[in-house]
Amino acid sequence: MHLTQAELLLVALLMITLLAMGVGGAAMALARWEGLTVPAAISRGGTAFAGTMVLGASLAGLFLMLK
């Protein structure tokens, strides 16, 4: 089974999104465990989510360019 480049990109972005959601949730949980307020925990989780999305999308783009 061969996937087109568009299908590969869609699968990669879905996997990156799921990973980023987990990283963001873990960052929020750790921030609350450290005693930060809820808004600060949300901010830390959002930053972790965004950073993971950017890194993952960059890696997916690089992979597709080299393929």
PDB file of N, CA and C in Angstrom:
ATOM      1  N   MET A   1       0.847  -1.176   0.000  1.00  0.00           N
ATOM      2  CA  MET A   1       0.000   0.000   0.000  1.00  0.00           C
ATOM      3  C   MET A   1       0.894   1.242   0.000  1.00  0.00           C
ATOM      4  N   HIS A   2       0.714   2.067  -0.972  1.00  0.00           N
ATOM      5  CA  HIS A   2       1.496   3.288  -1.073  1.00  0.00           C
ATOM      6  C   HIS A   2       0.600   4.485  -0.810  1.00  0.00           C
ATOM      7  N   LEU A   3       1.080   5.379   0.023  1.00  0.00           N
ATOM      8  CA  LEU A   3       0.331   6.595   0.329  1.00  0.00           C
ATOM      9  C   LEU A   3       0.871   7.746  -0.510  1.00  0.00           C
ATOM     10  N   THR A   4      -0.030   8.612  -0.908  1.00  0.00           N
ATOM     11  CA  THR A   4       0.410   9.804  -1.627  1.00  0.00           C
ATOM     12  C   THR A   4       1.060  10.766  -0.643  1.00  0.00           C
ATOM     13  N   GLN A   5       1.692  11.786  -1.179  1.00  0.00           N
ATOM     14  CA  GLN A   5       2.362  12.758  -0.317  1.00  0.00           C
ATOM     15  C   GLN A   5       1.346  13.499   0.558  1.00  0.00           C
ATOM     16  N   ALA A   6       0.176  13.788   0.022  1.00  0.00           N
ATOM     17  CA  ALA A   6      -0.863  14.465   0.800  1.00  0.00           C
ATOM     18  C   ALA A   6      -1.355  13.575   1.938  1.00  0.00           C
ATOM     19  N   GLU A   7      -1.507  12.284   1.667  1.00  0.00           N
ATOM     20  CA  GLU A   7      -1.939  11.360   2.712  1.00  0.00           C
ATOM     21  C   GLU A   7      -0.872  11.213   3.791  1.00  0.00           C
ATOM     22  N   LEU A   8       0.384  11.162   3.384  1.00  0.00           N
ATOM     23  CA  LEU A   8       1.472  11.098   4.365  1.00  0.00           C
ATOM     24  C   LEU A   8       1.488  12.333   5.252  1.00  0.00           C
ATOM     25  N   LEU A   9       1.281  13.494   4.648  1.00  0.00           N
ATOM     26  CA  LEU A   9       1.256  14.735   5.413  1.00  0.00           C
ATOM     27  C   LEU A   9       0.099  14.739   6.399  1.00  0.00           C
ATOM     28  N   LEU A  10      -1.070  14.283   5.970  1.00  0.00           N
ATOM     29  CA  LEU A  10      -2.234  14.235   6.852  1.00  0.00           C
ATOM     30  C   LEU A  10      -1.996  13.303   8.033  1.00  0.00           C
ATOM     31  N   VAL A  11      -1.442  12.126   7.767  1.00  0.00           N
ATOM     32  CA  VAL A  11      -1.148  11.169   8.842  1.00  0.00           C
ATOM     33  C   VAL A  11      -0.101  11.744   9.792  1.00  0.00           C
ATOM     34  N   ALA A  12       0.938  12.364   9.240  1.00  0.00           N
ATOM     35  CA  ALA A  12       1.990  12.939  10.080  1.00  0.00           C
ATOM     36  C   ALA A  12       1.436  14.052  10.963  1.00  0.00           C
ATOM     37  N   LEU A  13       0.608  14.919  10.401  1.00  0.00           N
ATOM     38  CA  LEU A  13       0.048  16.011  11.203  1.00  0.00           C
ATOM     39  C   LEU A  13      -0.906  15.499  12.273  1.00  0.00           C
ATOM     40  N   LEU A  14      -1.651  14.438  11.982  1.00  0.00           N
ATOM     41  CA  LEU A  14      -2.523  13.844  12.992  1.00  0.00           C
ATOM     42  C   LEU A  14      -1.700  13.272  14.141  1.00  0.00           C
ATOM     43  N   MET A  15      -0.628  12.560  13.816  1.00  0.00           N
ATOM     44  CA  MET A  15       0.229  11.998  14.859  1.00  0.00           C
ATOM     45  C   MET A  15       0.900  13.099  15.674  1.00  0.00           C
ATOM     46  N   ILE A  16       1.334  14.155  15.004  1.00  0.00           N
ATOM     47  CA  ILE A  16       1.969  15.273  15.705  1.00  0.00           C
ATOM     48  C   ILE A  16       0.975  15.944  16.642  1.00  0.00           C
ATOM     49  N   THR A  17      -0.265  16.115  16.179  1.00  0.00           N
ATOM     50  CA  THR A  17      -1.291  16.743  17.014  1.00  0.00           C
ATOM     51  C   THR A  17      -1.569  15.909  18.257  1.00  0.00           C
ATOM     52  N   LEU A  18      -1.678  14.598  18.093  1.00  0.00           N
ATOM     53  CA  LEU A  18      -1.921  13.733  19.250  1.00  0.00           C
ATOM     54  C   LEU A  18      -0.755  13.785  20.236  1.00  0.00           C
ATOM     55  N   LEU A  19       0.465  13.778  19.723  1.00  0.00           N
ATOM     56  CA  LEU A  19       1.641  13.887  20.585  1.00  0.00           C
ATOM     57  C   LEU A  19       1.652  15.228  21.317  1.00  0.00           C
ATOM     58  N   ALA A  20       1.350  16.298  20.595  1.00  0.00           N
ATOM     59  CA  ALA A  20       1.365  17.628  21.201  1.00  0.00           C
ATOM     60  C   ALA A  20       0.288  17.763  22.274  1.00  0.00           C
ATOM     61  N   MET A  21      -0.863  17.131  22.059  1.00  0.00           N
ATOM     62  CA  MET A  21      -1.912  17.174  23.082  1.00  0.00           C
ATOM     63  C   MET A  21      -1.439  16.483  24.358  1.00  0.00           C
ATOM     64  N   GLY A  22      -0.747  15.368  24.210  1.00  0.00           N
ATOM     65  CA  GLY A  22      -0.210  14.669  25.374  1.00  0.00           C
ATOM     66  C   GLY A  22       0.849  15.481  26.096  1.00  0.00           C
ATOM     67  N   VAL A  23       1.730  16.114  25.336  1.00  0.00           N
ATOM     68  CA  VAL A  23       2.782  16.945  25.932  1.00  0.00           C
ATOM     69  C   VAL A  23       2.166  18.142  26.651  1.00  0.00           C
ATOM     70  N   GLY A  24       1.185  18.777  26.019  1.00  0.00           N
ATOM     71  CA  GLY A  24       0.520  19.924  26.647  1.00  0.00           C
ATOM     72  C   GLY A  24      -0.199  19.530  27.928  1.00  0.00           C
ATOM     73  N   GLY A  25      -0.887  18.398  27.890  1.00  0.00           N
ATOM     74  CA  GLY A  25      -1.580  17.915  29.088  1.00  0.00           C
ATOM     75  C   GLY A  25      -0.615  17.572  30.211  1.00  0.00           C
ATOM     76  N   ALA A  26       0.500  16.947  29.866  1.00  0.00           N
ATOM     77  CA  ALA A  26       1.503  16.617  30.880  1.00  0.00           C
ATOM     78  C   ALA A  26       2.114  17.878  31.474  1.00  0.00           C
ATOM     79  N   ALA A  27       2.365  18.879  30.630  1.00  0.00           N
ATOM     80  CA  ALA A  27       2.926  20.133  31.134  1.00  0.00           C
ATOM     81  C   ALA A  27       1.948  20.825  32.078  1.00  0.00           C
ATOM     82  N   MET A  28       0.656  20.779  31.739  1.00  0.00           N
ATOM     83  CA  MET A  28      -0.344  21.384  32.623  1.00  0.00           C
ATOM     84  C   MET A  28      -0.412  20.645  33.956  1.00  0.00           C
ATOM     85  N   ALA A  29      -0.394  19.318  33.900  1.00  0.00           N
ATOM     86  CA  ALA A  29      -0.459  18.534  35.133  1.00  0.00           C
ATOM     87  C   ALA A  29       0.759  18.787  36.013  1.00  0.00           C
ATOM     88  N   LEU A  30       1.945  18.844  35.409  1.00  0.00           N
ATOM     89  CA  LEU A  30       3.151  19.112  36.197  1.00  0.00           C
ATOM     90  C   LEU A  30       3.128  20.517  36.790  1.00  0.00           C
ATOM     91  N   ALA A  31       2.606  21.480  36.036  1.00  0.00           N
ATOM     92  CA  ALA A  31       2.529  22.848  36.549  1.00  0.00           C
ATOM     93  C   ALA A  31       1.584  22.924  37.746  1.00  0.00           C
ATOM     94  N   ARG A  32       0.462  22.218  37.669  1.00  0.00           N
ATOM     95  CA  ARG A  32      -0.465  22.206  38.812  1.00  0.00           C
ATOM     96  C   ARG A  32       0.168  21.485  40.000  1.00  0.00           C
ATOM     97  N   TRP A  33       0.912  20.416  39.733  1.00  0.00           N
ATOM     98  CA  TRP A  33       1.552  19.659  40.799  1.00  0.00           C
ATOM     99  C   TRP A  33       2.609  20.510  41.488  1.00  0.00           C
ATOM    100  N   GLU A  34       3.266  21.405  40.714  1.00  0.00           N
ATOM    101  CA  GLU A  34       4.256  22.314  41.292  1.00  0.00           C
ATOM    102  C   GLU A  34       3.599  23.432  42.090  1.00  0.00           C
ATOM    103  N   GLY A  35       2.288  23.556  42.001  1.00  0.00           N
ATOM    104  CA  GLY A  35       1.579  24.559  42.778  1.00  0.00           C
ATOM    105  C   GLY A  35       1.239  25.829  42.024  1.00  0.00           C
ATOM    106  N   LEU A  36       1.419  25.846  40.712  1.00  0.00           N
ATOM    107  CA  LEU A  36       1.070  27.028  39.933  1.00  0.00           C
ATOM    108  C   LEU A  36      -0.448  27.159  39.844  1.00  0.00           C
ATOM    109  N   THR A  37      -0.899  28.368  39.566  1.00  0.00           N
ATOM    110  CA  THR A  37      -2.335  28.595  39.420  1.00  0.00           C
ATOM    111  C   THR A  37      -2.818  27.972  38.111  1.00  0.00           C
ATOM    112  N   VAL A  38      -4.134  27.855  37.991  1.00  0.00           N
ATOM    113  CA  VAL A  38      -4.711  27.259  36.781  1.00  0.00           C
ATOM    114  C   VAL A  38      -4.356  28.061  35.529  1.00  0.00           C
ATOM    115  N   PRO A  39      -4.489  29.407  35.536  1.00  0.00           N
ATOM    116  CA  PRO A  39      -4.103  30.143  34.324  1.00  0.00           C
ATOM    117  C   PRO A  39      -2.628  29.962  33.950  1.00  0.00           C
ATOM    118  N   ALA A  40      -1.755  29.898  34.940  1.00  0.00           N
ATOM    119  CA  ALA A  40      -0.333  29.678  34.656  1.00  0.00           C
ATOM    120  C   ALA A  40      -0.106  28.277  34.092  1.00  0.00           C
ATOM    121  N   ALA A  41      -0.834  27.297  34.610  1.00  0.00           N
ATOM    122  CA  ALA A  41      -0.710  25.929  34.103  1.00  0.00           C
ATOM    123  C   ALA A  41      -1.217  25.840  32.668  1.00  0.00           C
ATOM    124  N   ILE A  42      -2.316  26.537  32.379  1.00  0.00           N
ATOM    125  CA  ILE A  42      -2.845  26.548  31.014  1.00  0.00           C
ATOM    126  C   ILE A  42      -1.843  27.201  30.074  1.00  0.00           C
ATOM    127  N   SER A  43      -1.230  28.280  30.534  1.00  0.00           N
ATOM    128  CA  SER A  43      -0.232  28.966  29.713  1.00  0.00           C
ATOM    129  C   SER A  43       0.962  28.057  29.432  1.00  0.00           C
ATOM    130  N   ARG A  44       1.438  27.361  30.448  1.00  0.00           N
ATOM    131  CA  ARG A  44       2.576  26.450  30.256  1.00  0.00           C
ATOM    132  C   ARG A  44       2.196  25.294  29.334  1.00  0.00           C
ATOM    133  N   GLY A  45       0.992  24.772  29.498  1.00  0.00           N
ATOM    134  CA  GLY A  45       0.536  23.693  28.619  1.00  0.00           C
ATOM    135  C   GLY A  45       0.394  24.159  27.180  1.00  0.00           C
ATOM    136  N   GLY A  46      -0.118  25.371  26.986  1.00  0.00           N
ATOM    137  CA  GLY A  46      -0.250  25.921  25.638  1.00  0.00           C
ATOM    138  C   GLY A  46       1.091  26.139  24.979  1.00  0.00           C
ATOM    139  N   THR A  47       2.050  26.602  25.755  1.00  0.00           N
ATOM    140  CA  THR A  47       3.398  26.797  25.213  1.00  0.00           C
ATOM    141  C   THR A  47       4.017  25.458  24.816  1.00  0.00           C
ATOM    142  N   ALA A  48       3.844  24.447  25.648  1.00  0.00           N
ATOM    143  CA  ALA A  48       4.377  23.119  25.326  1.00  0.00           C
ATOM    144  C   ALA A  48       3.686  22.541  24.093  1.00  0.00           C
ATOM    145  N   PHE A  49       2.372  22.730  24.002  1.00  0.00           N
ATOM    146  CA  PHE A  49       1.619  22.245  22.840  1.00  0.00           C
ATOM    147  C   PHE A  49       2.112  22.915  21.562  1.00  0.00           C
ATOM    148  N   ALA A  50       2.232  24.241  21.601  1.00  0.00           N
ATOM    149  CA  ALA A  50       2.660  24.986  20.411  1.00  0.00           C
ATOM    150  C   ALA A  50       4.082  24.612  20.003  1.00  0.00           C
ATOM    151  N   GLY A  51       4.969  24.486  20.974  1.00  0.00           N
ATOM    152  CA  GLY A  51       6.346  24.115  20.660  1.00  0.00           C
ATOM    153  C   GLY A  51       6.446  22.738  20.038  1.00  0.00           C
ATOM    154  N   THR A  52       5.666  21.796  20.550  1.00  0.00           N
ATOM    155  CA  THR A  52       5.676  20.447  19.992  1.00  0.00           C
ATOM    156  C   THR A  52       5.093  20.439  18.585  1.00  0.00           C
ATOM    157  N   MET A  53       4.040  21.219  18.358  1.00  0.00           N
ATOM    158  CA  MET A  53       3.446  21.297  17.018  1.00  0.00           C
ATOM    159  C   MET A  53       4.440  21.874  16.016  1.00  0.00           C
ATOM    160  N   VAL A  54       5.138  22.931  16.404  1.00  0.00           N
ATOM    161  CA  VAL A  54       6.103  23.558  15.493  1.00  0.00           C
ATOM    162  C   VAL A  54       7.239  22.592  15.171  1.00  0.00           C
ATOM    163  N   LEU A  55       7.775  21.946  16.191  1.00  0.00           N
ATOM    164  CA  LEU A  55       8.864  20.994  15.966  1.00  0.00           C
ATOM    165  C   LEU A  55       8.405  19.833  15.093  1.00  0.00           C
ATOM    166  N   GLY A  56       7.247  19.288  15.401  1.00  0.00           N
ATOM    167  CA  GLY A  56       6.735  18.156  14.630  1.00  0.00           C
ATOM    168  C   GLY A  56       6.424  18.523  13.191  1.00  0.00           C
ATOM    169  N   ALA A  57       5.814  19.679  12.983  1.00  0.00           N
ATOM    170  CA  ALA A  57       5.499  20.106  11.619  1.00  0.00           C
ATOM    171  C   ALA A  57       6.774  20.359  10.823  1.00  0.00           C
ATOM    172  N   SER A  58       7.787  20.892  11.480  1.00  0.00           N
ATOM    173  CA  SER A  58       9.064  21.114  10.797  1.00  0.00           C
ATOM    174  C   SER A  58       9.696  19.787  10.385  1.00  0.00           C
ATOM    175  N   LEU A  59       9.653  18.820  11.275  1.00  0.00           N
ATOM    176  CA  LEU A  59      10.214  17.506  10.947  1.00  0.00           C
ATOM    177  C   LEU A  59       9.421  16.816   9.842  1.00  0.00           C
ATOM    178  N   ALA A  60       8.087  16.953   9.880  1.00  0.00           N
ATOM    179  CA  ALA A  60       7.262  16.356   8.825  1.00  0.00           C
ATOM    180  C   ALA A  60       7.553  17.012   7.485  1.00  0.00           C
ATOM    181  N   GLY A  61       7.689  18.326   7.481  1.00  0.00           N
ATOM    182  CA  GLY A  61       8.012  19.033   6.244  1.00  0.00           C
ATOM    183  C   GLY A  61       9.367  18.631   5.701  1.00  0.00           C
ATOM    184  N   LEU A  62      10.333  18.487   6.587  1.00  0.00           N
ATOM    185  CA  LEU A  62      11.670  18.060   6.168  1.00  0.00           C
ATOM    186  C   LEU A  62      11.633  16.652   5.587  1.00  0.00           C
ATOM    187  N   PHE A  63      10.897  15.771   6.240  1.00  0.00           N
ATOM    188  CA  PHE A  63      10.772  14.400   5.750  1.00  0.00           C
ATOM    189  C   PHE A  63      10.144  14.373   4.357  1.00  0.00           C
ATOM    190  N   LEU A  64       9.086  15.155   4.167  1.00  0.00           N
ATOM    191  CA  LEU A  64       8.415  15.159   2.870  1.00  0.00           C
ATOM    192  C   LEU A  64       9.279  15.793   1.784  1.00  0.00           C
ATOM    193  N   MET A  65      10.108  16.761   2.159  1.00  0.00           N
ATOM    194  CA  MET A  65      10.997  17.366   1.167  1.00  0.00           C
ATOM    195  C   MET A  65      12.078  16.375   0.728  1.00  0.00           C
ATOM    196  N   LEU A  66      12.547  15.558   1.660  1.00  0.00           N
ATOM    197  CA  LEU A  66      13.615  14.613   1.344  1.00  0.00           C
ATOM    198  C   LEU A  66      13.102  13.344   0.670  1.00  0.00           C
ATOM    199  N   LYS A  67      11.815  13.087   0.784  1.00  0.00           N
ATOM    200  CA  LYS A  67      11.239  11.862   0.212  1.00  0.00           C
ATOM    201  C   LYS A  67      11.146  11.948  -1.292  1.00  0.00           C
TER     202      LYS A  67
END
